[in-house]
Amino acid sequence: MTSQGSHRAEPSTTAGEREMLDGWLDYHRATLAWKCEGLGEEQVRLTPLKPSDMSLMGLVRHMADVERYWFREVMLGEDLPELYWSDGDPDGDFHFTDEDAWADSERVWQTEVELARQAAAGRSLDLVSDAASHHRGEVFSLRWVYTHMIEEYARHNGHADLLREHIDGATGD
C-alpha cells in the first residue's frame, strides 16, 4: 500500500489552528481511503476480526454517517433521514446486504465529506451548533466537532489497519 498513502498531505507543523484542524481531518480521511484502496468488493466486505462485524465497507459507511451527523445535523441543525440505521439497528452501517455495493458506500462517504467541508467553510471555530446532540443533549462548538472527528477517524483508522493486514497482509502508517 503505497500510492495514496504516499500522496496524503502531511498536516503543517506550524499552521494556525483552523488550517491545522482541516489538515489533520483531511489526513485521516485520506488514510481511510488509502486503507481501502485496491481492494475488491468481496475484500471490503470481509469481517476477519471475529466476533466483530467490523469491515472496511462498514467503517466507510460509519464515517459517512458520522460526517453527516456532526457537521450537518448537529452543527447546521438539518433534519436528515438516517443513512443506514433502519429497523432499529443502531449498527446498520456495519450490517449490509448483497444489494449494498462498495461503490455506492464510497460515493456516499465522499459526498458526506464534501458536504461536511461546505458546512464548516467560513464558520468560526467558536460557532456553537444549531442543534443539540441526540446522544448527549448538548450543543457543541465547531472546534469540538473538528477535534472529535479527528479522534473518530484516528481510532477507526487503527481498526482499518488491522482489517487490511488480515485481508491481504498490507501494512502502512
C-alpha atoms as a PDB file:
ATOM      1  CA  MET A   1       0.000   0.000   0.000  1.00  0.00           C
ATOM      2  CA  THR A   2       1.941   2.978  -1.171  1.00  0.00           C
ATOM      3  CA  SER A   3       0.038   5.015  -3.745  1.00  0.00           C
ATOM      4  CA  GLN A   4      -2.500   7.041  -1.734  1.00  0.00           C
ATOM      5  CA  GLY A   5      -0.510   6.791   1.470  1.00  0.00           C
ATOM      6  CA  SER A   6       2.449   8.456  -0.159  1.00  0.00           C
ATOM      7  CA  HIS A   7       0.108  11.129  -1.553  1.00  0.00           C
ATOM      8  CA  ARG A   8      -1.532  12.036   1.734  1.00  0.00           C
ATOM      9  CA  ALA A   9      -0.793  15.628   2.562  1.00  0.00           C
ATOM     10  CA  GLU A  10       1.049  15.803   5.866  1.00  0.00           C
ATOM     11  CA  PRO A  11      -0.538  18.455   8.080  1.00  0.00           C
ATOM     12  CA  SER A  12       1.558  21.556   8.574  1.00  0.00           C
ATOM     13  CA  THR A  13       3.611  21.650  11.740  1.00  0.00           C
ATOM     14  CA  THR A  14       3.345  25.436  12.042  1.00  0.00           C
ATOM     15  CA  ALA A  15      -0.137  26.289  10.750  1.00  0.00           C
ATOM     16  CA  GLY A  16      -2.759  28.239  12.601  1.00  0.00           C
ATOM     17  CA  GLU A  17      -5.474  26.375  14.444  1.00  0.00           C
ATOM     18  CA  ARG A  18      -8.048  26.180  11.633  1.00  0.00           C
ATOM     19  CA  GLU A  19      -5.554  25.103   8.995  1.00  0.00           C
ATOM     20  CA  MET A  20      -4.131  22.549  11.432  1.00  0.00           C
ATOM     21  CA  LEU A  21      -7.568  21.059  12.189  1.00  0.00           C
ATOM     22  CA  ASP A  22      -8.505  20.945   8.495  1.00  0.00           C
ATOM     23  CA  GLY A  23      -5.136  19.368   7.713  1.00  0.00           C
ATOM     24  CA  TRP A  24      -5.428  16.619  10.312  1.00  0.00           C
ATOM     25  CA  LEU A  25      -9.030  15.820   9.421  1.00  0.00           C
ATOM     26  CA  ASP A  26      -8.201  15.591   5.710  1.00  0.00           C
ATOM     27  CA  TYR A  27      -5.141  13.480   6.514  1.00  0.00           C
ATOM     28  CA  HIS A  28      -7.268  10.972   8.399  1.00  0.00           C
ATOM     29  CA  ARG A  29      -9.940  10.952   5.702  1.00  0.00           C
ATOM     30  CA  ALA A  30      -7.218  10.168   3.147  1.00  0.00           C
ATOM     31  CA  THR A  31      -5.840   7.449   5.427  1.00  0.00           C
ATOM     32  CA  LEU A  32      -9.162   5.598   5.488  1.00  0.00           C
ATOM     33  CA  ALA A  33      -9.412   5.865   1.693  1.00  0.00           C
ATOM     34  CA  TRP A  34      -5.859   4.512   1.429  1.00  0.00           C
ATOM     35  CA  LYS A  35      -6.663   1.537   3.656  1.00  0.00           C
ATOM     36  CA  CYS A  36      -9.471   0.583   1.232  1.00  0.00           C
ATOM     37  CA  GLU A  37      -7.512   1.285  -1.943  1.00  0.00           C
ATOM     38  CA  GLY A  38      -7.077  -1.522  -4.443  1.00  0.00           C
ATOM     39  CA  LEU A  39      -9.449  -3.955  -2.764  1.00  0.00           C
ATOM     40  CA  GLY A  40     -12.338  -5.689  -4.461  1.00  0.00           C
ATOM     41  CA  GLU A  41     -15.973  -5.839  -3.447  1.00  0.00           C
ATOM     42  CA  GLU A  42     -15.578  -9.085  -1.507  1.00  0.00           C
ATOM     43  CA  GLN A  43     -12.487  -7.868   0.339  1.00  0.00           C
ATOM     44  CA  VAL A  44     -14.032  -4.631   1.656  1.00  0.00           C
ATOM     45  CA  ARG A  45     -16.951  -6.692   2.994  1.00  0.00           C
ATOM     46  CA  LEU A  46     -14.772  -9.162   4.934  1.00  0.00           C
ATOM     47  CA  THR A  47     -15.105  -9.312   8.717  1.00  0.00           C
ATOM     48  CA  PRO A  48     -11.896 -11.143   9.681  1.00  0.00           C
ATOM     49  CA  LEU A  49     -11.764  -9.955  13.303  1.00  0.00           C
ATOM     50  CA  LYS A  50     -14.432 -12.189  14.811  1.00  0.00           C
ATOM     51  CA  PRO A  51     -16.611 -11.831  16.774  1.00  0.00           C
ATOM     52  CA  SER A  52     -16.670  -8.240  15.468  1.00  0.00           C
ATOM     53  CA  ASP A  53     -18.877  -7.335  12.490  1.00  0.00           C
ATOM     54  CA  MET A  54     -16.356  -4.668  11.509  1.00  0.00           C
ATOM     55  CA  SER A  55     -15.347  -4.422   7.857  1.00  0.00           C
ATOM     56  CA  LEU A  56     -13.720  -1.730   5.750  1.00  0.00           C
ATOM     57  CA  MET A  57     -17.033  -1.128   3.989  1.00  0.00           C
ATOM     58  CA  GLY A  58     -18.727  -0.832   7.360  1.00  0.00           C
ATOM     59  CA  LEU A  59     -16.108   1.669   8.542  1.00  0.00           C
ATOM     60  CA  VAL A  60     -16.608   3.800   5.438  1.00  0.00           C
ATOM     61  CA  ARG A  61     -20.388   3.700   5.884  1.00  0.00           C
ATOM     62  CA  HIS A  62     -19.959   4.536   9.574  1.00  0.00           C
ATOM     63  CA  MET A  63     -17.759   7.525   8.809  1.00  0.00           C
ATOM     64  CA  ALA A  64     -20.252   8.783   6.217  1.00  0.00           C
ATOM     65  CA  ASP A  65     -22.869   8.674   8.961  1.00  0.00           C
ATOM     66  CA  VAL A  66     -20.571  10.402  11.453  1.00  0.00           C
ATOM     67  CA  GLU A  67     -19.636  13.189   8.990  1.00  0.00           C
ATOM     68  CA  ARG A  68     -23.316  13.739   8.216  1.00  0.00           C
ATOM     69  CA  TYR A  69     -24.364  13.706  11.854  1.00  0.00           C
ATOM     70  CA  TRP A  70     -21.809  16.094  13.353  1.00  0.00           C
ATOM     71  CA  PHE A  71     -21.389  18.617  10.550  1.00  0.00           C
ATOM     72  CA  ARG A  72     -24.881  18.763   9.129  1.00  0.00           C
ATOM     73  CA  GLU A  73     -27.345  17.525  11.737  1.00  0.00           C
ATOM     74  CA  VAL A  74     -25.686  18.940  14.849  1.00  0.00           C
ATOM     75  CA  MET A  75     -23.730  21.958  13.555  1.00  0.00           C
ATOM     76  CA  LEU A  76     -26.291  23.134  10.992  1.00  0.00           C
ATOM     77  CA  GLY A  77     -29.411  21.715  12.623  1.00  0.00           C
ATOM     78  CA  GLU A  78     -30.501  19.907   9.437  1.00  0.00           C
ATOM     79  CA  ASP A  79     -33.227  17.293   9.830  1.00  0.00           C
ATOM     80  CA  LEU A  80     -31.896  14.439   7.708  1.00  0.00           C
ATOM     81  CA  PRO A  81     -33.013  10.846   7.309  1.00  0.00           C
ATOM     82  CA  GLU A  82     -30.710   8.145   8.619  1.00  0.00           C
ATOM     83  CA  LEU A  83     -28.276   6.753   6.068  1.00  0.00           C
ATOM     84  CA  TYR A  84     -28.005   3.206   7.344  1.00  0.00           C
ATOM     85  CA  TRP A  85     -29.909   2.878  10.607  1.00  0.00           C
ATOM     86  CA  SER A  86     -33.104   1.070   9.792  1.00  0.00           C
ATOM     87  CA  ASP A  87     -35.484  -1.190  11.665  1.00  0.00           C
ATOM     88  CA  GLY A  88     -33.985  -0.118  14.981  1.00  0.00           C
ATOM     89  CA  ASP A  89     -30.474  -1.365  14.141  1.00  0.00           C
ATOM     90  CA  PRO A  90     -28.045   1.229  15.545  1.00  0.00           C
ATOM     91  CA  ASP A  91     -25.174  -0.621  13.817  1.00  0.00           C
ATOM     92  CA  GLY A  92     -26.847  -0.629  10.408  1.00  0.00           C
ATOM     93  CA  ASP A  93     -23.760   0.930   8.859  1.00  0.00           C
ATOM     94  CA  PHE A  94     -21.913  -2.345   9.584  1.00  0.00           C
ATOM     95  CA  HIS A  95     -24.835  -4.606   8.587  1.00  0.00           C
ATOM     96  CA  PHE A  96     -25.309  -4.586   4.861  1.00  0.00           C
ATOM     97  CA  THR A  97     -26.936  -6.850   2.317  1.00  0.00           C
ATOM     98  CA  ASP A  98     -25.897  -8.212  -1.063  1.00  0.00           C
ATOM     99  CA  GLU A  99     -27.715  -5.253  -2.631  1.00  0.00           C
ATOM    100  CA  ASP A 100     -25.399  -2.782  -0.885  1.00  0.00           C
ATOM    101  CA  ALA A 101     -22.408  -2.045  -3.116  1.00  0.00           C
ATOM    102  CA  TRP A 102     -18.956  -0.778  -2.207  1.00  0.00           C
ATOM    103  CA  ALA A 103     -19.051   1.843  -4.972  1.00  0.00           C
ATOM    104  CA  ASP A 104     -22.259   3.298  -3.526  1.00  0.00           C
ATOM    105  CA  SER A 105     -20.865   3.277   0.018  1.00  0.00           C
ATOM    106  CA  GLU A 106     -17.687   5.021  -1.088  1.00  0.00           C
ATOM    107  CA  ARG A 107     -19.657   7.590  -3.125  1.00  0.00           C
ATOM    108  CA  VAL A 108     -21.955   8.379  -0.179  1.00  0.00           C
ATOM    109  CA  TRP A 109     -18.934   8.803   2.107  1.00  0.00           C
ATOM    110  CA  GLN A 110     -17.159  11.148  -0.314  1.00  0.00           C
ATOM    111  CA  THR A 111     -20.379  13.139  -0.755  1.00  0.00           C
ATOM    112  CA  GLU A 112     -20.784  13.488   3.019  1.00  0.00           C
ATOM    113  CA  VAL A 113     -17.138  14.558   3.349  1.00  0.00           C
ATOM    114  CA  GLU A 114     -17.691  17.293   0.765  1.00  0.00           C
ATOM    115  CA  LEU A 115     -20.929  18.417   2.417  1.00  0.00           C
ATOM    116  CA  ALA A 116     -19.129  18.483   5.790  1.00  0.00           C
ATOM    117  CA  ARG A 117     -16.415  20.695   4.297  1.00  0.00           C
ATOM    118  CA  GLN A 118     -19.096  23.038   2.973  1.00  0.00           C
ATOM    119  CA  ALA A 119     -20.871  23.071   6.339  1.00  0.00           C
ATOM    120  CA  ALA A 120     -17.663  24.145   8.107  1.00  0.00           C
ATOM    121  CA  ALA A 121     -16.342  26.535   5.470  1.00  0.00           C
ATOM    122  CA  GLY A 122     -16.123  30.119   6.594  1.00  0.00           C
ATOM    123  CA  ARG A 123     -17.506  29.411  10.042  1.00  0.00           C
ATOM    124  CA  SER A 124     -15.723  30.325  13.238  1.00  0.00           C
ATOM    125  CA  LEU A 125     -14.335  27.506  15.345  1.00  0.00           C
ATOM    126  CA  ASP A 126     -16.159  29.171  18.238  1.00  0.00           C
ATOM    127  CA  LEU A 127     -19.531  28.801  16.488  1.00  0.00           C
ATOM    128  CA  VAL A 128     -21.962  26.801  18.614  1.00  0.00           C
ATOM    129  CA  SER A 129     -24.099  24.179  16.905  1.00  0.00           C
ATOM    130  CA  ASP A 130     -27.665  24.902  15.830  1.00  0.00           C
ATOM    131  CA  ALA A 131     -28.863  21.624  17.324  1.00  0.00           C
ATOM    132  CA  ALA A 132     -28.099  19.528  20.351  1.00  0.00           C
ATOM    133  CA  SER A 133     -26.652  16.056  20.022  1.00  0.00           C
ATOM    134  CA  HIS A 134     -29.194  13.249  20.246  1.00  0.00           C
ATOM    135  CA  HIS A 135     -26.727  11.341  22.415  1.00  0.00           C
ATOM    136  CA  ARG A 136     -25.785  13.981  24.957  1.00  0.00           C
ATOM    137  CA  GLY A 137     -28.418  16.694  24.671  1.00  0.00           C
ATOM    138  CA  GLU A 138     -25.717  19.380  24.467  1.00  0.00           C
ATOM    139  CA  VAL A 139     -24.610  21.888  21.865  1.00  0.00           C
ATOM    140  CA  PHE A 140     -21.005  21.882  20.620  1.00  0.00           C
ATOM    141  CA  SER A 141     -18.512  24.318  19.164  1.00  0.00           C
ATOM    142  CA  LEU A 142     -17.199  23.696  15.676  1.00  0.00           C
ATOM    143  CA  ARG A 143     -13.751  23.330  17.298  1.00  0.00           C
ATOM    144  CA  TRP A 144     -15.085  20.436  19.413  1.00  0.00           C
ATOM    145  CA  VAL A 145     -16.613  18.799  16.317  1.00  0.00           C
ATOM    146  CA  TYR A 146     -13.303  19.004  14.443  1.00  0.00           C
ATOM    147  CA  THR A 147     -11.415  17.549  17.387  1.00  0.00           C
ATOM    148  CA  HIS A 148     -13.955  14.756  17.791  1.00  0.00           C
ATOM    149  CA  MET A 149     -13.873  13.924  14.075  1.00  0.00           C
ATOM    150  CA  ILE A 150     -10.070  13.689  14.102  1.00  0.00           C
ATOM    151  CA  GLU A 151     -10.293  11.363  17.111  1.00  0.00           C
ATOM    152  CA  GLU A 152     -13.047   9.296  15.461  1.00  0.00           C
ATOM    153  CA  TYR A 153     -11.061   8.825  12.251  1.00  0.00           C
ATOM    154  CA  ALA A 154      -7.815   8.096  14.110  1.00  0.00           C
ATOM    155  CA  ARG A 155      -9.487   5.385  16.194  1.00  0.00           C
ATOM    156  CA  HIS A 156     -11.193   3.779  13.212  1.00  0.00           C
ATOM    157  CA  ASN A 157      -8.072   4.047  11.053  1.00  0.00           C
ATOM    158  CA  GLY A 158      -6.422   1.804  13.639  1.00  0.00           C
ATOM    159  CA  HIS A 159      -9.227  -0.681  13.058  1.00  0.00           C
ATOM    160  CA  ALA A 160      -8.746  -0.279   9.305  1.00  0.00           C
ATOM    161  CA  ASP A 161      -5.031  -1.083   9.722  1.00  0.00           C
ATOM    162  CA  LEU A 162      -5.884  -4.372  11.409  1.00  0.00           C
ATOM    163  CA  LEU A 163      -8.584  -5.238   8.883  1.00  0.00           C
ATOM    164  CA  ARG A 164      -6.342  -4.520   5.917  1.00  0.00           C
ATOM    165  CA  GLU A 165      -3.491  -6.568   7.348  1.00  0.00           C
ATOM    166  CA  HIS A 166      -5.859  -9.522   7.860  1.00  0.00           C
ATOM    167  CA  ILE A 167      -7.309  -9.153   4.367  1.00  0.00           C
ATOM    168  CA  ASP A 168      -4.127  -9.089   2.297  1.00  0.00           C
ATOM    169  CA  GLY A 169      -1.160  -8.586   4.622  1.00  0.00           C
ATOM    170  CA  ALA A 170      -0.696  -4.945   3.602  1.00  0.00           C
ATOM    171  CA  THR A 171       0.582  -2.644   6.301  1.00  0.00           C
ATOM    172  CA  GLY A 172       1.468   1.013   6.389  1.00  0.00           C
ATOM    173  CA  ASP A 173       1.449   4.034   8.608  1.00  0.00           C
END
